[in-house]
N, C-alpha and C. Protein backbone atom coordinates (compact mmCIF):
# COMPACT_ATOMS: atom_id res chain seq x y z
N MET A 1 -22.34 -49.24 -54.42
CA MET A 1 -22.28 -49.66 -53.04
C MET A 1 -21.04 -49.09 -52.34
N MET A 2 -19.93 -49.20 -53.10
CA MET A 2 -18.66 -48.65 -52.58
C MET A 2 -18.75 -47.14 -52.40
N GLY A 3 -19.48 -46.46 -53.35
CA GLY A 3 -19.56 -45.02 -53.24
C GLY A 3 -20.35 -44.59 -52.03
N LYS A 4 -21.42 -45.35 -51.75
CA LYS A 4 -22.26 -45.06 -50.57
C LYS A 4 -21.42 -45.28 -49.31
N LYS A 5 -20.60 -46.33 -49.30
CA LYS A 5 -19.81 -46.60 -48.11
C LYS A 5 -18.77 -45.55 -47.87
N SER A 6 -18.11 -45.13 -48.99
CA SER A 6 -17.07 -44.08 -48.82
C SER A 6 -17.70 -42.76 -48.41
N GLY A 7 -18.90 -42.48 -48.93
CA GLY A 7 -19.58 -41.25 -48.51
C GLY A 7 -19.99 -41.32 -47.04
N TYR A 8 -20.38 -42.46 -46.59
CA TYR A 8 -20.73 -42.65 -45.19
C TYR A 8 -19.52 -42.44 -44.29
N LEU A 9 -18.37 -42.98 -44.76
CA LEU A 9 -17.14 -42.83 -43.99
C LEU A 9 -16.71 -41.38 -43.90
N VAL A 10 -16.87 -40.64 -45.03
CA VAL A 10 -16.51 -39.23 -45.02
C VAL A 10 -17.42 -38.45 -44.04
N MET A 11 -18.71 -38.73 -44.10
CA MET A 11 -19.64 -38.08 -43.19
C MET A 11 -19.33 -38.42 -41.73
N ARG A 12 -18.97 -39.67 -41.53
CA ARG A 12 -18.65 -40.15 -40.17
C ARG A 12 -17.42 -39.44 -39.62
N SER A 13 -16.40 -39.32 -40.48
CA SER A 13 -15.12 -38.64 -40.08
C SER A 13 -15.40 -37.15 -39.80
N GLU A 14 -16.27 -36.51 -40.61
CA GLU A 14 -16.59 -35.09 -40.38
C GLU A 14 -17.36 -34.93 -39.06
N GLN A 15 -18.23 -35.90 -38.75
CA GLN A 15 -18.95 -35.85 -37.50
C GLN A 15 -18.04 -36.00 -36.29
N VAL A 16 -17.06 -36.91 -36.43
CA VAL A 16 -16.06 -37.12 -35.35
C VAL A 16 -15.25 -35.83 -35.14
N ARG A 17 -14.82 -35.19 -36.26
CA ARG A 17 -14.06 -33.94 -36.15
C ARG A 17 -14.90 -32.84 -35.45
N ARG A 18 -16.19 -32.77 -35.86
CA ARG A 18 -17.07 -31.78 -35.22
C ARG A 18 -17.21 -32.04 -33.74
N ASP A 19 -17.36 -33.35 -33.38
CA ASP A 19 -17.53 -33.68 -31.97
C ASP A 19 -16.27 -33.38 -31.20
N LEU A 20 -15.10 -33.66 -31.80
CA LEU A 20 -13.85 -33.35 -31.12
C LEU A 20 -13.70 -31.84 -30.94
N LEU A 21 -14.03 -31.06 -31.97
CA LEU A 21 -13.91 -29.60 -31.92
C LEU A 21 -14.87 -29.06 -30.87
N SER A 22 -16.08 -29.61 -30.80
CA SER A 22 -17.04 -29.16 -29.78
C SER A 22 -16.55 -29.47 -28.37
N THR A 23 -15.94 -30.65 -28.21
CA THR A 23 -15.40 -31.06 -26.91
C THR A 23 -14.24 -30.12 -26.52
N ASP A 24 -13.36 -29.78 -27.48
CA ASP A 24 -12.27 -28.91 -27.19
C ASP A 24 -12.74 -27.51 -26.79
N VAL A 25 -13.76 -27.02 -27.48
CA VAL A 25 -14.32 -25.69 -27.17
C VAL A 25 -14.93 -25.69 -25.76
N GLN A 26 -15.66 -26.78 -25.42
CA GLN A 26 -16.21 -26.90 -24.08
C GLN A 26 -15.15 -26.93 -23.01
N GLU A 27 -14.07 -27.65 -23.25
CA GLU A 27 -12.97 -27.74 -22.31
C GLU A 27 -12.31 -26.35 -22.12
N LEU A 28 -12.18 -25.62 -23.25
CA LEU A 28 -11.56 -24.29 -23.16
C LEU A 28 -12.45 -23.37 -22.36
N LEU A 29 -13.76 -23.47 -22.54
CA LEU A 29 -14.73 -22.63 -21.77
C LEU A 29 -14.66 -22.95 -20.29
N VAL A 30 -14.56 -24.26 -19.99
CA VAL A 30 -14.43 -24.66 -18.57
C VAL A 30 -13.15 -24.15 -17.97
N ALA A 31 -12.02 -24.25 -18.74
CA ALA A 31 -10.74 -23.76 -18.25
C ALA A 31 -10.79 -22.26 -18.04
N ALA A 32 -11.41 -21.51 -19.01
CA ALA A 32 -11.48 -20.07 -18.87
C ALA A 32 -12.32 -19.68 -17.63
N LYS A 33 -13.40 -20.43 -17.42
CA LYS A 33 -14.22 -20.19 -16.22
C LYS A 33 -13.48 -20.38 -14.93
N LYS A 34 -12.72 -21.50 -14.86
CA LYS A 34 -11.90 -21.77 -13.68
C LYS A 34 -10.84 -20.69 -13.51
N LEU A 35 -10.23 -20.27 -14.63
CA LEU A 35 -9.21 -19.22 -14.54
C LEU A 35 -9.79 -17.91 -14.00
N ALA A 36 -10.99 -17.58 -14.48
CA ALA A 36 -11.63 -16.35 -14.02
C ALA A 36 -11.96 -16.42 -12.52
N ILE A 37 -12.46 -17.58 -12.09
CA ILE A 37 -12.75 -17.78 -10.68
C ILE A 37 -11.54 -17.67 -9.82
N HIS A 38 -10.47 -18.31 -10.24
CA HIS A 38 -9.21 -18.29 -9.50
C HIS A 38 -8.63 -16.86 -9.49
N ALA A 39 -8.74 -16.13 -10.61
CA ALA A 39 -8.23 -14.76 -10.67
C ALA A 39 -9.01 -13.86 -9.73
N ILE A 40 -10.33 -14.05 -9.67
CA ILE A 40 -11.17 -13.23 -8.75
C ILE A 40 -10.77 -13.51 -7.31
N LYS A 41 -10.59 -14.85 -7.00
CA LYS A 41 -10.22 -15.21 -5.62
C LYS A 41 -8.85 -14.66 -5.29
N LEU A 42 -7.92 -14.77 -6.26
CA LEU A 42 -6.55 -14.25 -6.00
C LEU A 42 -6.58 -12.76 -5.82
N GLY A 43 -7.39 -12.05 -6.66
CA GLY A 43 -7.47 -10.60 -6.57
C GLY A 43 -8.04 -10.23 -5.23
N GLY A 44 -9.04 -10.96 -4.76
CA GLY A 44 -9.62 -10.68 -3.46
C GLY A 44 -8.63 -10.84 -2.33
N LEU A 45 -7.85 -11.94 -2.42
CA LEU A 45 -6.83 -12.21 -1.40
C LEU A 45 -5.77 -11.14 -1.45
N MET A 46 -5.34 -10.75 -2.66
CA MET A 46 -4.31 -9.73 -2.79
C MET A 46 -4.82 -8.37 -2.26
N GLY A 47 -6.08 -8.06 -2.58
CA GLY A 47 -6.68 -6.82 -2.10
C GLY A 47 -6.78 -6.80 -0.60
N PHE A 48 -7.17 -7.96 -0.04
CA PHE A 48 -7.24 -8.06 1.40
C PHE A 48 -5.88 -7.93 2.04
N GLY A 49 -4.87 -8.56 1.44
CA GLY A 49 -3.47 -8.45 1.94
C GLY A 49 -2.98 -7.04 1.84
N THR A 50 -3.30 -6.34 0.77
CA THR A 50 -2.91 -4.92 0.61
C THR A 50 -3.53 -4.05 1.72
N SER A 51 -4.81 -4.30 2.03
CA SER A 51 -5.49 -3.52 3.05
C SER A 51 -4.86 -3.76 4.43
N ILE A 52 -4.52 -5.01 4.71
CA ILE A 52 -3.90 -5.35 6.01
C ILE A 52 -2.54 -4.67 6.11
N LEU A 53 -1.76 -4.76 5.04
CA LEU A 53 -0.42 -4.15 5.06
C LEU A 53 -0.50 -2.64 5.13
N GLU A 54 -1.56 -2.08 4.53
CA GLU A 54 -1.76 -0.60 4.61
C GLU A 54 -1.93 -0.17 6.04
N TRP A 55 -2.78 -0.92 6.80
CA TRP A 55 -3.00 -0.60 8.22
C TRP A 55 -1.69 -0.75 8.98
N ILE A 56 -0.99 -1.85 8.77
CA ILE A 56 0.26 -2.15 9.49
C ILE A 56 1.30 -1.06 9.20
N ALA A 57 1.44 -0.68 7.92
CA ALA A 57 2.40 0.34 7.53
C ALA A 57 2.10 1.70 8.18
N SER A 58 0.81 2.05 8.23
CA SER A 58 0.44 3.32 8.83
C SER A 58 0.79 3.35 10.32
N PHE A 59 0.46 2.26 11.00
CA PHE A 59 0.80 2.17 12.43
C PHE A 59 2.33 2.11 12.65
N ALA A 60 3.04 1.50 11.72
CA ALA A 60 4.51 1.48 11.83
C ALA A 60 5.08 2.88 11.68
N ALA A 61 4.53 3.66 10.78
CA ALA A 61 5.00 5.06 10.61
C ALA A 61 4.68 5.91 11.84
N ILE A 62 3.50 5.69 12.40
CA ILE A 62 3.14 6.41 13.64
C ILE A 62 4.08 5.98 14.76
N TYR A 63 4.34 4.66 14.82
CA TYR A 63 5.25 4.12 15.83
C TYR A 63 6.64 4.77 15.73
N LEU A 64 7.14 4.94 14.51
CA LEU A 64 8.46 5.58 14.30
C LEU A 64 8.43 7.02 14.72
N LEU A 65 7.28 7.70 14.49
CA LEU A 65 7.19 9.11 14.94
C LEU A 65 7.25 9.18 16.48
N VAL A 66 6.53 8.27 17.11
CA VAL A 66 6.52 8.26 18.60
C VAL A 66 7.90 7.90 19.11
N LEU A 67 8.54 6.94 18.42
CA LEU A 67 9.84 6.48 18.84
C LEU A 67 10.88 7.58 18.77
N ASP A 68 10.71 8.45 17.78
CA ASP A 68 11.65 9.56 17.57
C ASP A 68 11.57 10.59 18.71
N ARG A 69 10.52 10.55 19.50
CA ARG A 69 10.39 11.49 20.64
C ARG A 69 10.87 10.86 21.94
N THR A 70 11.42 9.66 21.89
CA THR A 70 11.99 9.00 23.07
C THR A 70 13.51 8.99 23.02
N HIS A 71 14.09 8.20 23.91
CA HIS A 71 15.55 8.10 23.88
C HIS A 71 16.06 7.24 22.74
N TRP A 72 15.13 6.65 21.94
CA TRP A 72 15.52 5.89 20.77
C TRP A 72 15.60 6.76 19.50
N ARG A 73 15.72 8.05 19.74
CA ARG A 73 15.71 9.01 18.62
C ARG A 73 16.75 8.62 17.60
N THR A 74 16.38 8.76 16.32
CA THR A 74 17.29 8.45 15.21
C THR A 74 17.66 9.70 14.48
N LYS A 75 18.66 9.64 13.61
CA LYS A 75 19.10 10.81 12.87
C LYS A 75 18.41 10.91 11.51
N ILE A 76 17.47 10.03 11.20
CA ILE A 76 16.79 10.10 9.91
C ILE A 76 15.78 11.26 9.86
N LEU A 77 15.41 11.65 8.70
CA LEU A 77 14.48 12.76 8.51
C LEU A 77 13.04 12.23 8.74
N THR A 78 12.61 12.26 10.00
CA THR A 78 11.31 11.69 10.35
C THR A 78 10.13 12.51 9.80
N ALA A 79 10.43 13.74 9.36
CA ALA A 79 9.35 14.57 8.79
C ALA A 79 8.77 13.91 7.52
N LEU A 80 9.54 13.06 6.88
CA LEU A 80 9.08 12.33 5.71
C LEU A 80 7.97 11.33 6.05
N LEU A 81 7.87 10.98 7.32
CA LEU A 81 6.83 10.04 7.73
C LEU A 81 5.44 10.67 7.63
N ILE A 82 5.39 12.00 7.65
CA ILE A 82 4.07 12.68 7.54
C ILE A 82 3.47 12.44 6.15
N PRO A 83 4.16 12.72 5.05
CA PRO A 83 3.57 12.40 3.75
C PRO A 83 3.35 10.89 3.54
N TYR A 84 4.20 10.08 4.17
CA TYR A 84 4.01 8.62 4.07
C TYR A 84 2.68 8.23 4.70
N ILE A 85 2.43 8.75 5.89
CA ILE A 85 1.16 8.42 6.57
C ILE A 85 -0.02 9.00 5.76
N PHE A 86 0.16 10.16 5.18
CA PHE A 86 -0.90 10.78 4.38
C PHE A 86 -1.31 9.88 3.24
N PHE A 87 -0.33 9.28 2.54
CA PHE A 87 -0.64 8.42 1.38
C PHE A 87 -0.99 7.02 1.75
N SER A 88 -0.57 6.53 2.90
CA SER A 88 -0.84 5.14 3.27
C SER A 88 -1.96 4.95 4.26
N LEU A 89 -2.44 6.03 4.86
CA LEU A 89 -3.49 5.90 5.86
C LEU A 89 -4.75 5.29 5.27
N PRO A 90 -5.30 4.27 5.94
CA PRO A 90 -6.53 3.63 5.44
C PRO A 90 -7.65 4.63 5.20
N SER A 91 -8.42 4.43 4.16
CA SER A 91 -9.49 5.38 3.77
C SER A 91 -10.45 5.68 4.88
N LEU A 92 -10.78 4.64 5.69
CA LEU A 92 -11.75 4.84 6.77
C LEU A 92 -11.28 5.92 7.74
N ILE A 93 -10.04 5.83 8.18
CA ILE A 93 -9.50 6.80 9.12
C ILE A 93 -9.27 8.15 8.41
N PHE A 94 -8.80 8.07 7.17
CA PHE A 94 -8.52 9.32 6.42
C PHE A 94 -9.77 10.16 6.27
N GLU A 95 -10.90 9.54 5.92
CA GLU A 95 -12.14 10.30 5.73
C GLU A 95 -12.63 10.85 7.06
N ILE A 96 -12.42 10.15 8.13
CA ILE A 96 -12.83 10.66 9.46
C ILE A 96 -11.98 11.88 9.83
N LEU A 97 -10.68 11.80 9.54
CA LEU A 97 -9.78 12.92 9.87
C LEU A 97 -9.97 14.13 8.97
N ARG A 98 -10.65 13.98 7.85
CA ARG A 98 -10.90 15.14 6.97
C ARG A 98 -12.19 15.88 7.42
N GLY A 99 -12.83 15.41 8.49
CA GLY A 99 -14.08 16.00 8.93
C GLY A 99 -13.86 17.22 9.80
N ASP A 100 -14.95 17.68 10.39
CA ASP A 100 -14.92 18.92 11.21
C ASP A 100 -14.08 18.77 12.51
N ILE A 101 -14.05 17.55 13.01
CA ILE A 101 -13.29 17.38 14.29
C ILE A 101 -11.82 17.73 14.07
N SER A 102 -11.24 17.21 13.00
CA SER A 102 -9.82 17.51 12.70
C SER A 102 -9.61 18.98 12.37
N LYS A 103 -10.64 19.60 11.73
CA LYS A 103 -10.52 21.03 11.44
C LYS A 103 -10.41 21.83 12.74
N TRP A 104 -11.26 21.50 13.71
CA TRP A 104 -11.19 22.20 15.01
C TRP A 104 -9.88 21.94 15.71
N ILE A 105 -9.40 20.68 15.67
CA ILE A 105 -8.11 20.40 16.32
C ILE A 105 -7.00 21.15 15.67
N SER A 106 -6.99 21.19 14.32
CA SER A 106 -5.97 21.92 13.57
C SER A 106 -6.00 23.40 13.90
N PHE A 107 -7.22 23.94 13.99
CA PHE A 107 -7.40 25.33 14.34
C PHE A 107 -6.79 25.66 15.70
N ILE A 108 -7.10 24.78 16.71
CA ILE A 108 -6.59 24.99 18.05
C ILE A 108 -5.06 24.86 18.05
N VAL A 109 -4.50 23.93 17.35
CA VAL A 109 -3.03 23.76 17.24
C VAL A 109 -2.37 24.99 16.66
N ILE A 110 -2.94 25.52 15.61
CA ILE A 110 -2.39 26.75 14.99
C ILE A 110 -2.44 27.94 15.93
N VAL A 111 -3.59 28.08 16.61
CA VAL A 111 -3.74 29.17 17.57
C VAL A 111 -2.68 29.08 18.70
N LEU A 112 -2.53 27.85 19.21
CA LEU A 112 -1.55 27.66 20.30
C LEU A 112 -0.12 27.93 19.79
N ARG A 113 0.13 27.51 18.54
CA ARG A 113 1.49 27.71 18.00
C ARG A 113 1.78 29.19 17.76
N LEU A 114 0.77 29.95 17.35
CA LEU A 114 0.97 31.35 17.05
C LEU A 114 1.06 32.22 18.30
N PHE A 115 0.13 31.99 19.24
CA PHE A 115 0.01 32.92 20.38
C PHE A 115 0.68 32.38 21.67
N PHE A 116 0.90 31.12 21.75
CA PHE A 116 1.55 30.58 22.97
C PHE A 116 2.72 29.65 22.58
N PRO A 117 3.68 30.18 21.83
CA PRO A 117 4.77 29.30 21.36
C PRO A 117 5.60 28.71 22.46
N ARG A 118 5.71 29.41 23.60
CA ARG A 118 6.52 28.87 24.71
C ARG A 118 5.85 27.70 25.38
N HIS A 119 4.53 27.69 25.33
CA HIS A 119 3.78 26.61 25.96
C HIS A 119 3.37 25.50 24.99
N PHE A 120 3.83 25.68 23.76
CA PHE A 120 3.44 24.70 22.73
C PHE A 120 4.40 23.52 22.79
N PRO A 121 3.89 22.31 23.11
CA PRO A 121 4.78 21.13 23.26
C PRO A 121 5.39 20.72 21.89
N ALA A 122 6.67 20.38 21.94
CA ALA A 122 7.35 20.03 20.70
C ALA A 122 6.83 18.78 20.09
N TRP A 123 6.35 17.81 20.93
CA TRP A 123 5.86 16.54 20.44
C TRP A 123 4.56 16.68 19.62
N LEU A 124 3.93 17.85 19.75
CA LEU A 124 2.66 18.08 19.06
C LEU A 124 2.85 18.61 17.65
N GLU A 125 4.04 18.97 17.26
CA GLU A 125 4.26 19.58 15.95
C GLU A 125 4.00 18.60 14.82
N MET A 126 4.50 17.40 14.90
CA MET A 126 4.34 16.42 13.83
C MET A 126 2.87 16.00 13.70
N PRO A 127 2.19 15.61 14.75
CA PRO A 127 0.77 15.24 14.64
C PRO A 127 -0.07 16.41 14.15
N GLY A 128 0.29 17.63 14.61
CA GLY A 128 -0.44 18.81 14.14
C GLY A 128 -0.26 19.04 12.66
N ALA A 129 0.98 18.86 12.19
CA ALA A 129 1.27 19.00 10.77
C ALA A 129 0.52 17.96 9.94
N LEU A 130 0.44 16.73 10.46
CA LEU A 130 -0.26 15.68 9.74
C LEU A 130 -1.76 15.98 9.64
N LEU A 131 -2.36 16.38 10.75
CA LEU A 131 -3.79 16.74 10.73
C LEU A 131 -4.04 17.90 9.76
N LEU A 132 -3.17 18.91 9.82
CA LEU A 132 -3.33 20.05 8.96
C LEU A 132 -3.23 19.69 7.50
N LEU A 133 -2.27 18.81 7.18
CA LEU A 133 -2.06 18.32 5.81
C LEU A 133 -3.29 17.56 5.32
N ILE A 134 -3.83 16.71 6.17
CA ILE A 134 -5.03 15.96 5.78
C ILE A 134 -6.22 16.83 5.53
N VAL A 135 -6.40 17.84 6.42
CA VAL A 135 -7.57 18.72 6.31
C VAL A 135 -7.50 19.62 5.09
N VAL A 136 -6.34 20.21 4.80
CA VAL A 136 -6.23 21.19 3.74
C VAL A 136 -5.82 20.66 2.38
N ALA A 137 -5.53 19.36 2.35
CA ALA A 137 -5.06 18.77 1.09
C ALA A 137 -6.14 18.88 0.00
N PRO A 138 -5.79 19.37 -1.18
CA PRO A 138 -6.79 19.43 -2.26
C PRO A 138 -7.19 18.04 -2.76
N SER A 139 -8.27 17.97 -3.44
CA SER A 139 -8.80 16.66 -3.87
C SER A 139 -7.86 15.91 -4.79
N LEU A 140 -7.01 16.64 -5.51
CA LEU A 140 -6.04 16.01 -6.36
C LEU A 140 -5.17 15.04 -5.59
N PHE A 141 -4.74 15.49 -4.38
CA PHE A 141 -3.90 14.67 -3.54
C PHE A 141 -4.75 13.70 -2.67
N ALA A 142 -5.83 14.21 -2.11
CA ALA A 142 -6.64 13.45 -1.15
C ALA A 142 -7.44 12.34 -1.80
N ASP A 143 -7.88 12.57 -3.02
CA ASP A 143 -8.78 11.60 -3.67
C ASP A 143 -8.12 10.90 -4.85
N THR A 144 -7.36 11.63 -5.65
CA THR A 144 -6.82 11.04 -6.89
C THR A 144 -5.49 10.32 -6.64
N LEU A 145 -4.48 11.06 -6.16
CA LEU A 145 -3.13 10.47 -6.01
C LEU A 145 -3.08 9.41 -4.90
N ARG A 146 -3.85 9.60 -3.85
CA ARG A 146 -3.83 8.69 -2.73
C ARG A 146 -4.33 7.28 -3.18
N ASP A 147 -5.25 7.28 -4.09
CA ASP A 147 -5.86 5.97 -4.51
C ASP A 147 -5.25 5.44 -5.79
N SER A 148 -4.10 6.00 -6.18
CA SER A 148 -3.46 5.54 -7.41
C SER A 148 -2.05 4.97 -7.09
N TRP A 149 -1.45 4.41 -8.13
CA TRP A 149 -0.10 3.84 -7.98
C TRP A 149 0.93 4.94 -7.69
N ILE A 150 0.61 6.21 -8.03
CA ILE A 150 1.52 7.31 -7.78
C ILE A 150 1.75 7.50 -6.27
N GLY A 151 0.63 7.46 -5.51
CA GLY A 151 0.76 7.56 -4.07
C GLY A 151 1.57 6.44 -3.47
N VAL A 152 1.35 5.23 -3.99
CA VAL A 152 2.13 4.06 -3.53
C VAL A 152 3.59 4.23 -3.87
N ALA A 153 3.87 4.74 -5.07
CA ALA A 153 5.28 4.95 -5.50
C ALA A 153 5.96 5.99 -4.60
N ILE A 154 5.22 7.00 -4.20
CA ILE A 154 5.77 8.04 -3.27
C ILE A 154 6.12 7.38 -1.94
N CYS A 155 5.23 6.50 -1.43
CA CYS A 155 5.48 5.78 -0.20
C CYS A 155 6.75 4.90 -0.34
N LEU A 156 6.91 4.26 -1.49
CA LEU A 156 8.08 3.42 -1.71
C LEU A 156 9.35 4.24 -1.73
N ALA A 157 9.32 5.41 -2.37
CA ALA A 157 10.50 6.26 -2.45
C ALA A 157 10.90 6.77 -1.06
N ILE A 158 9.87 7.12 -0.26
CA ILE A 158 10.12 7.59 1.10
C ILE A 158 10.72 6.48 1.95
N ALA A 159 10.16 5.30 1.85
CA ALA A 159 10.67 4.14 2.64
C ALA A 159 12.11 3.81 2.25
N CYS A 160 12.39 3.78 0.96
CA CYS A 160 13.78 3.50 0.50
C CYS A 160 14.76 4.52 1.00
N TYR A 161 14.35 5.80 0.93
CA TYR A 161 15.24 6.87 1.40
C TYR A 161 15.47 6.78 2.89
N LEU A 162 14.41 6.53 3.67
CA LEU A 162 14.55 6.40 5.12
C LEU A 162 15.43 5.23 5.51
N LEU A 163 15.30 4.11 4.75
CA LEU A 163 16.10 2.94 5.06
C LEU A 163 17.59 3.18 4.80
N GLN A 164 17.90 3.79 3.67
CA GLN A 164 19.34 4.03 3.42
C GLN A 164 19.90 5.08 4.35
N GLU A 165 19.10 6.08 4.71
CA GLU A 165 19.57 7.10 5.68
C GLU A 165 19.76 6.50 7.08
N HIS A 166 18.87 5.56 7.45
CA HIS A 166 18.98 4.91 8.73
C HIS A 166 20.24 4.03 8.77
N ILE A 167 20.49 3.30 7.69
CA ILE A 167 21.68 2.41 7.63
C ILE A 167 22.96 3.28 7.68
N ARG A 168 22.95 4.42 7.01
CA ARG A 168 24.11 5.30 7.01
C ARG A 168 24.32 5.91 8.39
N ALA A 169 23.24 6.34 9.05
CA ALA A 169 23.33 6.93 10.37
C ALA A 169 23.77 5.92 11.44
N SER A 170 23.43 4.64 11.20
CA SER A 170 23.79 3.59 12.16
C SER A 170 25.20 3.08 11.98
N GLY A 171 25.87 3.50 10.90
CA GLY A 171 27.20 3.07 10.69
C GLY A 171 27.35 1.81 9.88
N GLY A 172 26.34 1.49 9.10
CA GLY A 172 26.39 0.32 8.24
C GLY A 172 25.20 -0.59 8.45
N PHE A 173 25.00 -1.52 7.48
CA PHE A 173 23.85 -2.39 7.50
C PHE A 173 23.84 -3.30 8.75
N LYS A 174 25.01 -3.80 9.11
CA LYS A 174 25.10 -4.71 10.27
C LYS A 174 24.70 -3.99 11.57
N ASN A 175 25.21 -2.77 11.78
CA ASN A 175 24.90 -2.05 12.98
C ASN A 175 23.43 -1.66 13.08
N SER A 176 22.81 -1.44 11.92
CA SER A 176 21.41 -1.05 11.94
C SER A 176 20.50 -2.16 12.44
N PHE A 177 20.96 -3.42 12.33
CA PHE A 177 20.14 -4.53 12.77
C PHE A 177 20.72 -5.27 13.98
N THR A 178 21.78 -4.69 14.57
CA THR A 178 22.37 -5.32 15.76
C THR A 178 22.34 -4.42 16.98
N LYS A 179 22.52 -3.11 16.78
CA LYS A 179 22.47 -2.17 17.89
C LYS A 179 21.04 -2.10 18.46
N ALA A 180 20.96 -1.92 19.79
CA ALA A 180 19.65 -1.91 20.46
C ALA A 180 18.75 -0.79 19.92
N ASN A 181 19.33 0.39 19.71
CA ASN A 181 18.51 1.49 19.24
C ASN A 181 18.32 1.50 17.74
N GLY A 182 18.96 0.53 17.07
CA GLY A 182 18.82 0.45 15.63
C GLY A 182 17.79 -0.57 15.15
N ILE A 183 17.62 -1.63 15.94
CA ILE A 183 16.73 -2.71 15.54
C ILE A 183 15.29 -2.23 15.45
N SER A 184 14.82 -1.52 16.48
CA SER A 184 13.45 -1.08 16.47
C SER A 184 13.12 -0.19 15.27
N ASN A 185 14.05 0.73 14.96
CA ASN A 185 13.85 1.59 13.81
C ASN A 185 13.94 0.82 12.48
N SER A 186 14.89 -0.13 12.44
CA SER A 186 15.02 -0.92 11.24
C SER A 186 13.78 -1.73 10.90
N VAL A 187 13.25 -2.36 11.92
CA VAL A 187 12.03 -3.19 11.74
C VAL A 187 10.89 -2.29 11.27
N GLY A 188 10.71 -1.13 11.88
CA GLY A 188 9.66 -0.23 11.48
C GLY A 188 9.80 0.26 10.04
N ILE A 189 11.03 0.57 9.62
CA ILE A 189 11.29 1.05 8.25
C ILE A 189 11.11 -0.06 7.24
N VAL A 190 11.50 -1.29 7.58
CA VAL A 190 11.28 -2.45 6.69
C VAL A 190 9.77 -2.66 6.47
N ILE A 191 8.97 -2.51 7.52
CA ILE A 191 7.54 -2.64 7.37
C ILE A 191 7.01 -1.53 6.43
N LEU A 192 7.57 -0.33 6.55
CA LEU A 192 7.16 0.74 5.64
C LEU A 192 7.47 0.36 4.20
N LEU A 193 8.52 -0.39 3.99
CA LEU A 193 8.94 -0.79 2.62
C LEU A 193 8.07 -1.90 2.07
N ILE A 194 7.58 -2.80 2.90
CA ILE A 194 6.84 -3.96 2.42
C ILE A 194 5.50 -3.55 1.79
N TYR A 195 4.78 -2.62 2.43
CA TYR A 195 3.47 -2.26 1.92
C TYR A 195 3.49 -1.72 0.50
N PRO A 196 4.32 -0.69 0.16
CA PRO A 196 4.23 -0.20 -1.23
C PRO A 196 4.77 -1.18 -2.25
N VAL A 197 5.73 -2.02 -1.87
CA VAL A 197 6.20 -3.08 -2.82
C VAL A 197 5.07 -4.00 -3.14
N TRP A 198 4.37 -4.50 -2.11
CA TRP A 198 3.25 -5.41 -2.31
C TRP A 198 2.12 -4.74 -3.10
N ALA A 199 1.83 -3.50 -2.79
CA ALA A 199 0.74 -2.78 -3.46
C ALA A 199 1.06 -2.58 -4.93
N LEU A 200 2.28 -2.24 -5.27
CA LEU A 200 2.67 -2.05 -6.68
C LEU A 200 2.60 -3.36 -7.44
N ILE A 201 3.06 -4.47 -6.77
CA ILE A 201 2.96 -5.79 -7.45
C ILE A 201 1.53 -6.15 -7.76
N THR A 202 0.65 -5.98 -6.81
CA THR A 202 -0.77 -6.32 -7.01
C THR A 202 -1.41 -5.41 -8.07
N ASP A 203 -0.97 -4.17 -8.14
CA ASP A 203 -1.51 -3.25 -9.13
C ASP A 203 -1.17 -3.64 -10.59
N PHE A 204 0.04 -4.21 -10.76
CA PHE A 204 0.53 -4.50 -12.11
C PHE A 204 0.29 -5.95 -12.49
N ILE A 205 -0.21 -6.80 -11.58
CA ILE A 205 -0.50 -8.19 -11.94
C ILE A 205 -1.82 -8.25 -12.69
C-alpha cells in the first residue's frame, strides 16, 4: 500500500514538473512573440524617422547652398554639400533626377558653360554639378553605396567637417550660434549632422 502511494506521489510530482515546464515554455513563446512585435513596430518607427530626417537633411543642404549665394555667405567649403545631397537625397527624387529630363538639363548646362561662359550664371554651377553627378554616377555609387551605411558614414564625415570649419570661420563655438549670419548656417549644419547619426544608430540596432 505504501509502495503504491509513494509511486503515485512520484508520478504526481513528475506531472507537476511537466506542467510547470510547459507553462514556462508557453510564457517564453508569448514573450518572444511580444518582443518580435515590438521590434517590428520599433523598426518601422525608426525607418519612418530615418526617411523623414533624410528629407529634412536634403532640404537643409539645399538651403545652405542657396544661403551661400546670398549676403549670408560663409567661408566653409560648400562644394562638399554636393556629395552630401547625392548620398542623402530621398530615393524618389534621386530616381527622377537620373532620368532623361536631368540628362537634357545637364547637357544644356554643359553647352552653356563651354560656349557661353560669360553669360553662364555663377549660381548655376553647383546645381549643374549636382545634376551631372547624379546622371553620370555609376551604379556602384548610385545603387550600392547610397543605400548602405558607407553612404551614411560619408554624410556624417562631411557634416562633421563642415561644422568644425564653420565654427573655426565664425571665430569660435559661441560666435557660430550668436552672430546673425552664423546661426542660420549653424542650424542647417546641425540638421546635416542629425540625419547620418540617427541612420547609423538604426542600422546597428
